[in-house]
C-alpha cells in the first residue's frame, strides 16, 4: 500500500526547553502529520548521547535520552516549580540545540524532580525496574560509577569494577544506591512520556519508524556488561573497530571506532543478545530501520589504533541466518534495510532474501557519468524513497552545490527549467511521492525549503552536528494542506481518507 511520512528527530522539535522533547509541541507535530495526510513519523535513535552528541553513539542501546523527558509533566506532578524550570539556561536560540547548556542544567532539573518524587513508593516504578532489570540494572550502575570516575570510559576504571568482580559490583551498588535510583527514575519517566506520545500518534493513524544503529558505543553499559559479545583482548580493549573504507565522499574512509561483534559467539548463543535488543526496539517503534544493513553480509574491520580507515579488511557477517533467527524468534516484523553505499552482489542478495525494503535517496541519483539505481525510473515498489536522510545536506543545499555537469543532468531529468527557484524543492518531493516506491519519507527541512542551514549531520566530522531545530511556527496549517494535496495526488493518503473518512487529530 502506498504511503508517505516525514523525517524529524525528536531533538529537532521546537520546545521551551532548549531541545525537542515529549512536550506539547511533539503532540502538535503529530497533529500536523495527520492534517498533512501522512502515515509515518521517522525519528532517529532515542538513546542518551555522549561526547559529540550523536544519537548513534549512546551509553546504552536500551536506555532513553533523559533530555526528552517533558518538564511540563514534572511541574504538573508537583515535583518541581515552573519558576525553578524557568531559572535554568537551556539556550536562547529556538533554531539551535546548545548541548553544553542543556547538559549543565537538565540533570539539575531532573535531580530536583527525583528528590521530590518519592518515586520508590510508586508501584509502576517498581514494576518498571523489575521488567527491565536485564538492562536497567547494568545501565544505572554504569552511569553512577562512570560519574564517580569523572566520566572516563569504563576501560579506565579500577580493575575490580572494570572487570565486574562480584564483590566490587555489590560494593558499588550499595555505595551508589541513591544515584542508581536517579538513573532508574530518568528511564521510567522517559518511558512513560514516550509511550504516551506513541499511543497518541498510533491512535491518530501515525506509525513510528525508529532507528537501530548496528553498532554500540565502546563507552557504554553494553560493552562493559558484555565484553564477550565483542572483539576484545584480555584487557577488554578492542582488537578491531568499525568504519567504512575510502570512497568518493571520504578520501581516508570513515573511522567510527565502535567495537565489532564476535559473530562466532553470537551464533553459538543463537543471537540471544541481538534478539533481546530487537524485541526492545519493537516495544518502542512500529517499524525499525536497521542502520548499516550491509554489515550483516560483510563488515569492514579496521585495526584498533589506526588513525584513519584506509587500512582495513572486509570480514563475513552472520548473513541470512541472523534474519532467519529473528523471524523465528520475533515473527514477521516491519523492517527498513539501510542498504546505502557500494553494494556487492551478496549484499543485494541478502536484502532480496529477507524481503525487507531497501532505501533510495534522490540525492544519490544524479551522477551524469552513469545510470543509477537511485533514479526513480529504476525503482521497484518494495523500497523506501527519501529526498535525503539525516546524513545528507538538505535538498536545496545539495542542489546548489552540485557540479555543473551533474546539475545539468538533474535539471534535464527533473525538467527543472519549467519551475522557479521557489518551486525547486517541491519538484524533488514530487519525484519521490510520484515514484512506485511503496513508502516515501521526506525530511521536514525539505518541506520547509531550507538550505544548508537546516542540515543535521555531516558524517566524519565533529562539532556543528545534531544541533538544528525547527521553529515553532514553521510547520503551518497552510503547509500541511499543500503536503496533503500532493500526497493525495500521488495516492499516498491513508486508506481511511482515500475512502472519504476523516481522521481527527
Protein backbone atom coordinates (compact mmCIF):
# COMPACT_ATOMS: atom_id res chain seq x y z
CA UNK A 1 0.00 0.00 0.00
CA UNK A 2 1.37 3.41 -0.96
CA UNK A 3 2.10 5.73 1.96
CA UNK A 4 4.30 8.64 3.00
CA UNK A 5 5.89 10.10 6.09
CA UNK A 6 8.11 12.86 7.40
CA UNK A 7 11.57 12.58 8.97
CA UNK A 8 12.17 14.75 12.03
CA UNK A 9 14.37 13.80 15.01
CA UNK A 10 12.78 14.33 18.42
CA UNK A 11 15.68 16.62 19.35
CA UNK A 12 14.77 18.90 16.43
CA UNK A 13 11.24 19.57 17.63
CA UNK A 14 10.52 23.05 18.98
CA UNK A 15 10.13 23.34 22.75
CA UNK A 16 10.63 25.82 25.57
CA UNK A 17 13.49 23.76 26.98
CA UNK A 18 16.35 24.13 24.50
CA UNK A 19 15.88 20.78 22.76
CA UNK A 20 12.93 18.87 21.36
CA UNK A 21 11.23 16.64 23.92
CA UNK A 22 7.98 14.77 24.56
CA UNK A 23 6.19 18.03 25.25
CA UNK A 24 3.04 19.64 23.83
CA UNK A 25 4.96 20.54 20.67
CA UNK A 26 5.51 16.85 19.90
CA UNK A 27 1.76 16.24 20.02
CA UNK A 28 1.20 19.29 17.82
CA UNK A 29 3.65 17.82 15.29
CA UNK A 30 1.60 14.61 15.24
CA UNK A 31 -1.50 16.72 14.61
CA UNK A 32 0.26 18.37 11.66
CA UNK A 33 1.22 14.98 10.26
CA UNK A 34 -2.44 13.98 10.35
CA UNK A 35 -3.51 17.24 8.70
CA UNK A 36 -0.85 16.67 6.04
CA UNK A 37 -2.23 13.21 5.23
CA UNK A 38 0.86 11.38 6.44
CA UNK A 39 1.10 7.83 7.79
CA UNK A 40 4.61 7.76 9.33
CA UNK A 41 6.86 9.80 11.57
CA UNK A 42 10.50 8.74 11.22
CA UNK A 43 12.85 9.62 14.06
CA UNK A 44 16.50 8.95 14.94
CA UNK A 45 17.75 6.72 17.80
CA UNK A 46 16.32 7.77 21.16
CA UNK A 47 19.30 6.80 23.34
CA UNK A 48 21.24 9.05 25.73
CA UNK A 49 24.00 10.80 23.81
CA UNK A 50 27.64 11.06 24.81
CA UNK A 51 30.62 13.07 23.56
CA UNK A 52 29.80 14.56 20.17
CA UNK A 53 26.04 14.46 20.88
CA UNK A 54 25.42 11.82 18.20
CA UNK A 55 22.34 9.61 18.69
CA UNK A 56 24.43 6.86 17.06
CA UNK A 57 26.92 6.87 19.97
CA UNK A 58 24.93 6.12 23.11
CA UNK A 59 25.72 4.98 26.64
CA UNK A 60 23.16 2.19 26.19
CA UNK A 61 21.36 0.51 23.34
CA UNK A 62 18.27 0.23 25.56
CA UNK A 63 18.12 3.47 27.53
CA UNK A 64 16.25 6.62 26.52
CA UNK A 65 17.61 10.14 26.34
CA UNK A 66 16.71 11.98 29.58
CA UNK A 67 16.73 15.28 27.64
CA UNK A 68 13.46 14.15 26.06
CA UNK A 69 11.57 13.97 29.38
CA UNK A 70 8.87 16.65 29.40
CA UNK A 71 9.48 19.18 32.22
CA UNK A 72 5.83 20.27 31.99
CA UNK A 73 4.77 16.87 33.32
CA UNK A 74 7.20 17.18 36.22
CA UNK A 75 5.69 20.57 37.03
CA UNK A 76 2.14 19.15 36.90
CA UNK A 77 3.16 16.37 39.28
CA UNK A 78 4.41 19.00 41.75
CA UNK A 79 7.97 17.69 41.69
CA UNK A 80 9.46 20.98 40.52
CA UNK A 81 8.13 24.51 40.18
CA UNK A 82 7.73 26.39 36.94
CA UNK A 83 9.83 29.19 38.41
CA UNK A 84 12.70 26.76 39.01
CA UNK A 85 12.38 25.36 35.47
CA UNK A 86 12.45 28.85 34.03
CA UNK A 87 15.54 29.73 36.07
CA UNK A 88 17.73 27.33 34.09
CA UNK A 89 19.57 28.44 30.95
CA UNK A 90 18.78 25.95 28.19
CA UNK A 91 19.98 28.29 25.43
CA UNK A 92 18.06 31.11 23.79
CA UNK A 93 18.13 30.23 20.09
CA UNK A 94 14.90 28.47 19.01
CA UNK A 95 16.65 27.00 15.94
CA UNK A 96 19.72 25.63 17.73
CA UNK A 97 20.46 22.98 20.39
CA UNK A 98 23.11 24.19 22.84
CA UNK A 99 24.18 20.84 24.28
CA UNK A 100 26.63 22.41 26.73
CA UNK A 101 23.94 24.48 28.41
CA UNK A 102 21.47 21.62 28.40
CA UNK A 103 24.00 19.21 29.94
CA UNK A 104 24.75 21.72 32.70
CA UNK A 105 21.11 22.35 33.55
CA UNK A 106 18.84 19.46 32.59
CA UNK A 107 20.26 16.97 35.07
CA UNK A 108 19.91 19.53 37.89
CA UNK A 109 16.25 19.91 36.97
CA UNK A 110 15.75 16.14 36.84
CA UNK A 111 17.60 15.60 40.11
CA UNK A 112 15.35 18.05 41.96
CA UNK A 113 12.28 16.37 40.48
CA UNK A 114 13.58 12.95 41.54
CA UNK A 115 14.35 14.12 45.07
CA UNK A 116 10.79 15.45 45.41
CA UNK A 117 9.11 12.48 43.73
CA UNK A 118 9.28 9.77 46.41
CA UNK A 119 9.40 7.55 43.34
CA UNK A 120 10.37 4.36 45.15
CA UNK A 121 6.85 4.15 46.57
CA UNK A 122 5.32 4.17 43.07
CA UNK A 123 4.18 0.62 42.13
CA UNK A 124 4.58 1.48 38.45
CA UNK A 125 8.20 2.46 39.04
CA UNK A 126 8.95 -0.76 40.91
CA UNK A 127 7.33 -2.82 38.15
CA UNK A 128 9.34 -0.96 35.51
CA UNK A 129 12.57 -1.79 37.35
CA UNK A 130 11.64 -5.47 37.58
CA UNK A 131 10.53 -5.76 33.96
CA UNK A 132 13.66 -4.04 32.63
CA UNK A 133 16.24 -5.40 35.06
CA UNK A 134 18.00 -7.29 32.25
CA UNK A 135 19.45 -3.99 31.00
CA UNK A 136 18.48 -1.31 33.53
CA UNK A 137 20.49 -2.78 36.42
CA UNK A 138 23.71 -2.56 34.42
CA UNK A 139 22.92 0.81 32.85
CA UNK A 140 22.02 2.60 36.10
CA UNK A 141 25.09 1.19 37.87
CA UNK A 142 27.27 2.04 34.87
CA UNK A 143 26.21 5.68 34.86
CA UNK A 144 26.60 6.05 38.63
CA UNK A 145 30.09 4.54 38.59
CA UNK A 146 31.07 6.48 35.48
CA UNK A 147 30.26 9.79 37.17
CA UNK A 148 32.31 8.75 40.22
CA UNK A 149 35.32 8.24 37.91
CA UNK A 150 34.97 11.73 36.38
CA UNK A 151 33.08 10.34 33.38
CA UNK A 152 36.01 8.42 31.89
CA UNK A 153 35.27 5.31 29.84
CA UNK A 154 34.86 2.06 31.80
CA UNK A 155 38.14 0.64 30.48
CA UNK A 156 39.92 3.25 32.68
CA UNK A 157 38.09 2.35 35.89
CA UNK A 158 39.67 0.45 38.77
CA UNK A 159 40.36 -3.12 37.75
CA UNK A 160 37.83 -4.75 40.08
CA UNK A 161 34.83 -2.82 38.78
CA UNK A 162 36.16 -2.65 35.22
CA UNK A 163 36.16 -6.46 35.13
CA UNK A 164 32.90 -6.71 37.09
CA UNK A 165 34.18 -8.69 40.05
CA UNK A 166 31.13 -9.79 42.11
CA UNK A 167 32.36 -8.20 45.34
CA UNK A 168 33.06 -4.90 43.56
CA UNK A 169 29.64 -4.91 41.88
CA UNK A 170 27.93 -5.40 45.22
CA UNK A 171 30.03 -2.71 46.94
CA UNK A 172 29.33 -0.14 44.24
CA UNK A 173 25.60 -0.97 44.22
CA UNK A 174 25.46 -0.27 47.96
CA UNK A 175 27.65 2.82 47.74
CA UNK A 176 25.67 4.42 44.91
CA UNK A 177 22.16 3.16 45.68
CA UNK A 178 20.75 6.69 45.54
CA UNK A 179 22.44 7.56 42.27
CA UNK A 180 21.30 4.27 40.76
CA UNK A 181 17.71 5.14 41.62
CA UNK A 182 18.19 8.57 40.00
CA UNK A 183 19.11 6.92 36.69
CA UNK A 184 16.27 4.44 37.04
CA UNK A 185 13.93 7.39 37.62
CA UNK A 186 15.11 9.03 34.39
CA UNK A 187 14.40 5.89 32.41
CA UNK A 188 10.99 5.42 34.00
CA UNK A 189 9.90 8.96 33.16
CA UNK A 190 11.33 8.69 29.65
CA UNK A 191 9.35 5.51 29.02
CA UNK A 192 6.12 6.93 30.48
CA UNK A 193 6.35 10.04 28.30
CA UNK A 194 7.37 8.20 25.13
CA UNK A 195 4.68 5.54 25.44
CA UNK A 196 2.04 8.24 25.90
CA UNK A 197 3.24 10.13 22.81
CA UNK A 198 3.49 6.99 20.69
CA UNK A 199 -0.01 5.90 21.75
CA UNK A 200 -1.33 9.31 20.68
CA UNK A 201 0.41 9.01 17.32
CA UNK A 202 -0.84 5.45 16.74
CA UNK A 203 -4.39 6.37 17.76
CA UNK A 204 -4.34 9.05 15.07
CA UNK A 205 -3.02 6.76 12.35
CA UNK A 206 0.67 7.69 12.59
CA UNK A 207 3.20 4.87 12.86
CA UNK A 208 6.69 5.49 14.27
CA UNK A 209 9.76 4.49 12.26
CA UNK A 210 12.64 4.07 14.71
CA UNK A 211 16.32 3.58 14.02
CA UNK A 212 18.65 0.93 15.44
CA UNK A 213 22.38 1.56 14.97
CA UNK A 214 24.05 -1.71 14.09
CA UNK A 215 26.94 -0.97 16.46
CA UNK A 216 27.04 0.11 20.10
CA UNK A 217 29.49 2.60 21.57
CA UNK A 218 32.62 1.35 23.33
CA UNK A 219 31.82 3.77 26.16
CA UNK A 220 28.56 2.04 27.01
CA UNK A 221 26.99 -0.23 29.57
CA UNK A 222 26.52 -2.78 26.77
CA UNK A 223 30.28 -3.13 26.18
CA UNK A 224 31.08 -3.08 29.90
CA UNK A 225 28.43 -5.64 30.85
CA UNK A 226 29.02 -7.94 27.89
CA UNK A 227 32.66 -7.94 26.75
CA UNK A 228 32.22 -11.47 25.41
CA UNK A 229 29.90 -10.01 22.73
CA UNK A 230 32.74 -8.09 21.10
CA UNK A 231 36.18 -8.50 19.59
CA UNK A 232 38.13 -7.52 22.74
CA UNK A 233 41.51 -8.65 24.01
CA UNK A 234 42.15 -9.89 27.55
CA UNK A 235 42.41 -6.30 28.79
CA UNK A 236 38.97 -5.51 27.32
CA UNK A 237 40.42 -3.31 24.59
CA UNK A 238 39.07 -3.65 21.02
CA UNK A 239 41.32 -5.54 18.64
CA UNK A 240 39.47 -4.03 15.68
CA UNK A 241 36.87 -1.30 15.23
CA UNK A 242 34.12 -0.35 12.81
CA UNK A 243 34.11 2.06 9.91
CA UNK A 244 33.91 2.37 6.14
CA UNK A 245 36.69 2.26 3.55
CA UNK A 246 37.70 5.29 1.45
CA UNK A 247 35.19 6.34 -1.22
CA UNK A 248 34.17 9.38 -3.23
CA UNK A 249 32.74 11.03 -0.11
CA UNK A 250 35.66 10.39 2.28
CA UNK A 251 39.19 10.06 0.92
CA UNK A 252 40.51 8.33 4.06
CA UNK A 253 37.29 6.46 4.82
CA UNK A 254 35.16 6.75 7.93
CA UNK A 255 36.63 5.67 11.26
CA UNK A 256 33.66 5.20 13.60
CA UNK A 257 35.61 3.46 16.34
CA UNK A 258 32.76 1.24 17.58
CA UNK A 259 33.71 -2.23 18.81
CA UNK A 260 32.99 -5.05 16.38
CA UNK A 261 30.86 -8.07 17.27
CA UNK A 262 32.27 -11.52 17.88
CA UNK A 263 29.81 -13.12 15.48
CA UNK A 264 31.03 -16.64 16.30
CA UNK A 265 29.94 -16.10 19.90
CA UNK A 266 26.57 -14.68 18.85
CA UNK A 267 25.98 -17.64 16.56
CA UNK A 268 26.65 -20.08 19.42
CA UNK A 269 24.03 -18.31 21.55
CA UNK A 270 21.52 -18.22 18.67
CA UNK A 271 21.90 -14.43 18.65
CA UNK A 272 20.24 -14.18 22.07
CA UNK A 273 21.57 -10.68 22.87
CA UNK A 274 20.50 -9.37 19.47
CA UNK A 275 17.02 -10.85 19.77
CA UNK A 276 16.53 -9.11 23.13
CA UNK A 277 17.77 -5.87 21.60
CA UNK A 278 15.40 -6.09 18.64
CA UNK A 279 12.47 -7.09 20.83
CA UNK A 280 13.07 -3.96 22.90
CA UNK A 281 13.09 -1.87 19.72
CA UNK A 282 9.66 -3.13 18.75
CA UNK A 283 8.36 -2.08 22.15
CA UNK A 284 9.34 1.48 21.20
CA UNK A 285 8.68 1.63 17.45
CA UNK A 286 6.25 0.30 14.85
CA UNK A 287 8.91 -0.05 12.14
CA UNK A 288 12.67 -0.44 12.66
CA UNK A 289 15.21 0.94 10.23
CA UNK A 290 18.35 -1.19 10.62
CA UNK A 291 21.34 1.07 10.13
CA UNK A 292 24.31 -0.13 8.03
CA UNK A 293 22.48 -3.27 6.91
CA UNK A 294 25.31 -4.39 4.65
CA UNK A 295 27.45 -5.28 7.68
CA UNK A 296 25.24 -8.31 8.27
CA UNK A 297 26.65 -9.63 4.99
CA UNK A 298 30.21 -8.31 5.38
CA UNK A 299 31.63 -5.70 7.74
CA UNK A 300 34.71 -3.51 7.44
CA UNK A 301 37.28 -4.28 10.14
CA UNK A 302 39.92 -1.63 10.98
CA UNK A 303 42.85 -2.50 13.28
CA UNK A 304 42.48 -0.82 16.67
CA UNK A 305 44.72 2.21 16.95
CA UNK A 306 44.57 3.09 13.26
CA UNK A 307 44.35 6.84 12.65
CA UNK A 308 42.19 6.52 9.53
CA UNK A 309 40.01 3.87 7.89
CA UNK A 310 42.38 3.38 4.93
CA UNK A 311 43.77 0.11 6.26
CA UNK A 312 41.06 -2.44 6.86
CA UNK A 313 39.58 -5.70 5.63
CA UNK A 314 36.13 -6.99 4.84
CA UNK A 315 35.05 -9.82 7.12
CA UNK A 316 31.97 -12.06 6.78
CA UNK A 317 28.92 -11.16 8.83
CA UNK A 318 26.23 -13.57 10.05
CA UNK A 319 24.28 -13.44 6.78
CA UNK A 320 20.71 -14.62 6.33
CA UNK A 321 20.89 -16.94 9.32
CA UNK A 322 20.59 -13.88 11.56
CA UNK A 323 17.32 -12.77 9.98
CA UNK A 324 16.01 -16.31 9.86
CA UNK A 325 16.54 -16.46 13.63
CA UNK A 326 14.90 -13.05 14.00
CA UNK A 327 11.79 -14.18 12.11
CA UNK A 328 11.53 -17.39 14.14
CA UNK A 329 12.01 -15.55 17.44
CA UNK A 330 10.06 -12.34 16.88
CA UNK A 331 7.79 -13.24 13.97
CA UNK A 332 7.45 -11.15 10.84
CA UNK A 333 8.30 -7.57 11.73
CA UNK A 334 8.34 -4.34 9.76
CA UNK A 335 11.95 -3.50 8.82
CA UNK A 336 13.63 -0.96 6.57
CA UNK A 337 17.10 -2.06 5.45
CA UNK A 338 19.59 0.82 5.26
CA UNK A 339 21.40 -0.55 2.22
CA UNK A 340 23.11 2.62 1.03
CA UNK A 341 26.64 2.84 -0.36
CA UNK A 342 28.56 0.41 -2.54
CA UNK A 343 26.59 -2.84 -2.60
CA UNK A 344 28.12 -6.14 -3.64
CA UNK A 345 26.01 -8.88 -5.26
CA UNK A 346 25.96 -10.77 -1.96
CA UNK A 347 24.52 -7.75 -0.11
CA UNK A 348 21.85 -7.31 -2.76
CA UNK A 349 21.02 -11.00 -2.50
CA UNK A 350 20.74 -10.75 1.31
CA UNK A 351 18.33 -7.81 1.10
CA UNK A 352 16.27 -9.64 -1.51
CA UNK A 353 16.16 -12.85 0.54
CA UNK A 354 14.93 -11.06 3.68
CA UNK A 355 12.18 -9.37 1.68
CA UNK A 356 12.83 -6.10 3.51
CA UNK A 357 12.53 -2.85 1.56
CA UNK A 358 15.80 -1.05 0.94
CA UNK A 359 16.39 2.70 0.66
CA UNK A 360 16.55 5.00 -2.35
CA UNK A 361 17.92 8.50 -1.89
CA UNK A 362 17.29 11.02 -4.66
CA UNK A 363 20.42 12.98 -3.84
CA UNK A 364 22.50 9.94 -4.84
CA UNK A 365 20.85 9.68 -8.25
CA UNK A 366 22.32 12.46 -10.34
CA UNK A 367 25.78 11.42 -11.43
CA UNK A 368 26.00 12.49 -15.07
CA UNK A 369 28.63 9.79 -15.79
CA UNK A 370 26.44 6.74 -15.25
CA UNK A 371 22.99 5.31 -14.75
CA UNK A 372 21.95 4.95 -11.13
CA UNK A 373 19.71 2.65 -9.10
CA UNK A 374 18.63 5.79 -7.25
CA UNK A 375 16.94 7.32 -10.32
CA UNK A 376 13.17 6.92 -9.87
CA UNK A 377 12.64 5.10 -13.15
CA UNK A 378 14.82 2.25 -11.82
CA UNK A 379 12.84 1.67 -8.59
CA UNK A 380 10.97 -1.44 -7.62
CA UNK A 381 7.88 -0.88 -5.46
CA UNK A 382 9.47 -2.66 -2.44
CA UNK A 383 11.63 0.26 -1.32
CA UNK A 384 11.52 3.47 0.68
CA UNK A 385 12.42 6.64 -1.19
CA UNK A 386 13.90 9.71 0.51
CA UNK A 387 14.86 13.07 -0.94
CA UNK A 388 17.70 12.94 1.60
CA UNK A 389 18.48 11.49 5.03
CA UNK A 390 19.84 12.87 8.30
CA UNK A 391 23.36 12.39 6.88
CA UNK A 392 22.69 14.47 3.77
CA UNK A 393 22.54 18.17 3.18
CA UNK A 394 19.03 19.49 2.65
CA UNK A 395 17.85 19.08 -0.93
CA UNK A 396 18.26 22.78 -1.73
CA UNK A 397 21.67 22.91 -0.02
CA UNK A 398 22.75 19.86 -2.02
CA UNK A 399 21.33 21.09 -5.34
CA UNK A 400 23.20 24.39 -5.30
CA UNK A 401 26.48 22.61 -4.56
CA UNK A 402 26.21 20.14 -7.46
CA UNK A 403 28.94 20.08 -10.08
CA UNK A 404 27.83 21.82 -13.25
CA UNK A 405 27.51 18.67 -15.37
CA UNK A 406 25.57 16.86 -12.63
CA UNK A 407 23.22 19.78 -12.18
CA UNK A 408 22.59 19.92 -15.92
CA UNK A 409 21.69 16.23 -15.86
CA UNK A 410 19.47 16.80 -12.82
CA UNK A 411 17.75 19.76 -14.49
CA UNK A 412 17.06 17.72 -17.62
CA UNK A 413 15.85 14.63 -15.76
CA UNK A 414 13.60 16.63 -13.43
CA UNK A 415 12.56 19.16 -16.11
CA UNK A 416 13.52 21.95 -13.73
CA UNK A 417 13.67 24.63 -16.41
CA UNK A 418 9.91 24.99 -16.11
CA UNK A 419 9.91 25.89 -12.40
CA UNK A 420 11.06 28.90 -10.38
CA UNK A 421 13.65 28.80 -7.60
CA UNK A 422 10.81 28.87 -5.06
CA UNK A 423 9.38 25.68 -6.55
CA UNK A 424 12.58 23.62 -6.76
CA UNK A 425 12.12 21.74 -3.50
CA UNK A 426 8.58 20.73 -4.49
CA UNK A 427 9.86 19.11 -7.69
CA UNK A 428 12.18 16.80 -5.79
CA UNK A 429 9.40 15.98 -3.35
CA UNK A 430 7.11 15.33 -6.32
CA UNK A 431 9.69 12.94 -7.81
CA UNK A 432 9.74 10.94 -4.58
CA UNK A 433 5.98 10.90 -3.99
CA UNK A 434 5.16 10.06 -7.61
CA UNK A 435 7.59 7.13 -7.76
CA UNK A 436 6.49 3.50 -7.50
CA UNK A 437 8.15 3.14 -4.06
CA UNK A 438 5.68 1.82 -1.50
CA UNK A 439 6.81 4.40 1.03
CA UNK A 440 8.17 7.93 0.58
CA UNK A 441 9.76 9.77 3.51
CA UNK A 442 10.68 13.45 3.24
CA UNK A 443 12.86 15.29 5.79
CA UNK A 444 10.85 18.17 7.20
CA UNK A 445 13.61 20.60 6.15
CA UNK A 446 12.81 19.89 2.50
CA UNK A 447 9.15 20.73 3.01
CA UNK A 448 10.31 23.93 4.75
CA UNK A 449 12.55 24.79 1.74
CA UNK A 450 15.63 25.18 3.94
CA UNK A 451 19.16 25.41 2.61
CA UNK A 452 22.30 24.09 4.29
CA UNK A 453 21.41 25.97 7.48
CA UNK A 454 18.95 23.11 8.10
CA UNK A 455 21.48 20.31 7.78
CA UNK A 456 21.54 17.96 10.79
CA UNK A 457 24.74 15.97 10.34
CA UNK A 458 27.88 15.86 8.21
CA UNK A 459 29.39 12.35 8.54
CA UNK A 460 33.01 12.01 9.72
CA UNK A 461 33.02 15.46 11.31
CA UNK A 462 32.85 16.59 14.93
CA UNK A 463 31.08 19.75 16.04
CA UNK A 464 28.13 21.60 14.49
CA UNK A 465 26.13 18.38 14.15
CA UNK A 466 22.73 17.38 15.58
CA UNK A 467 22.03 21.00 16.52
CA UNK A 468 19.28 22.13 14.12
CA UNK A 469 15.77 22.72 15.48
CA UNK A 470 12.52 23.52 13.73
CA UNK A 471 10.99 26.89 14.56
CA UNK A 472 7.71 26.66 16.46
CA UNK A 473 5.73 28.43 13.73
CA UNK A 474 7.46 26.78 10.76
CA UNK A 475 5.15 23.82 10.06
CA UNK A 476 1.96 25.77 9.36
CA UNK A 477 -1.55 24.59 8.60
CA UNK A 478 -1.13 26.06 5.12
CA UNK A 479 1.98 23.95 4.52
CA UNK A 480 0.16 20.88 5.84
CA UNK A 481 -2.60 21.49 3.30
CA UNK A 482 -0.04 21.72 0.47
CA UNK A 483 1.58 18.48 1.61
CA UNK A 484 -1.81 16.77 1.82
CA UNK A 485 -2.69 17.89 -1.71
CA UNK A 486 0.47 16.41 -3.23
CA UNK A 487 0.24 13.31 -1.04
CA UNK A 488 -3.30 12.73 -2.31
CA UNK A 489 -2.37 13.47 -5.90
CA UNK A 490 0.04 10.52 -5.90
CA UNK A 491 -2.17 8.09 -3.99
CA UNK A 492 -0.38 8.14 -0.65
CA UNK A 493 -3.13 9.29 1.71
CA UNK A 494 -4.10 6.86 4.50
CA UNK A 495 -6.69 4.35 3.35
CA UNK A 496 -9.43 5.86 5.54
CA UNK A 497 -9.02 9.20 3.81
CA UNK A 498 -8.95 7.59 0.38
CA UNK A 499 -12.39 6.23 1.28
CA UNK A 500 -13.57 9.67 2.32
CA UNK A 501 -13.37 9.23 6.09
CA UNK A 502 -11.68 11.85 8.21
CA UNK A 503 -9.02 11.11 10.80
CA UNK A 504 -9.37 13.53 13.69
CA UNK A 505 -6.15 14.61 15.45
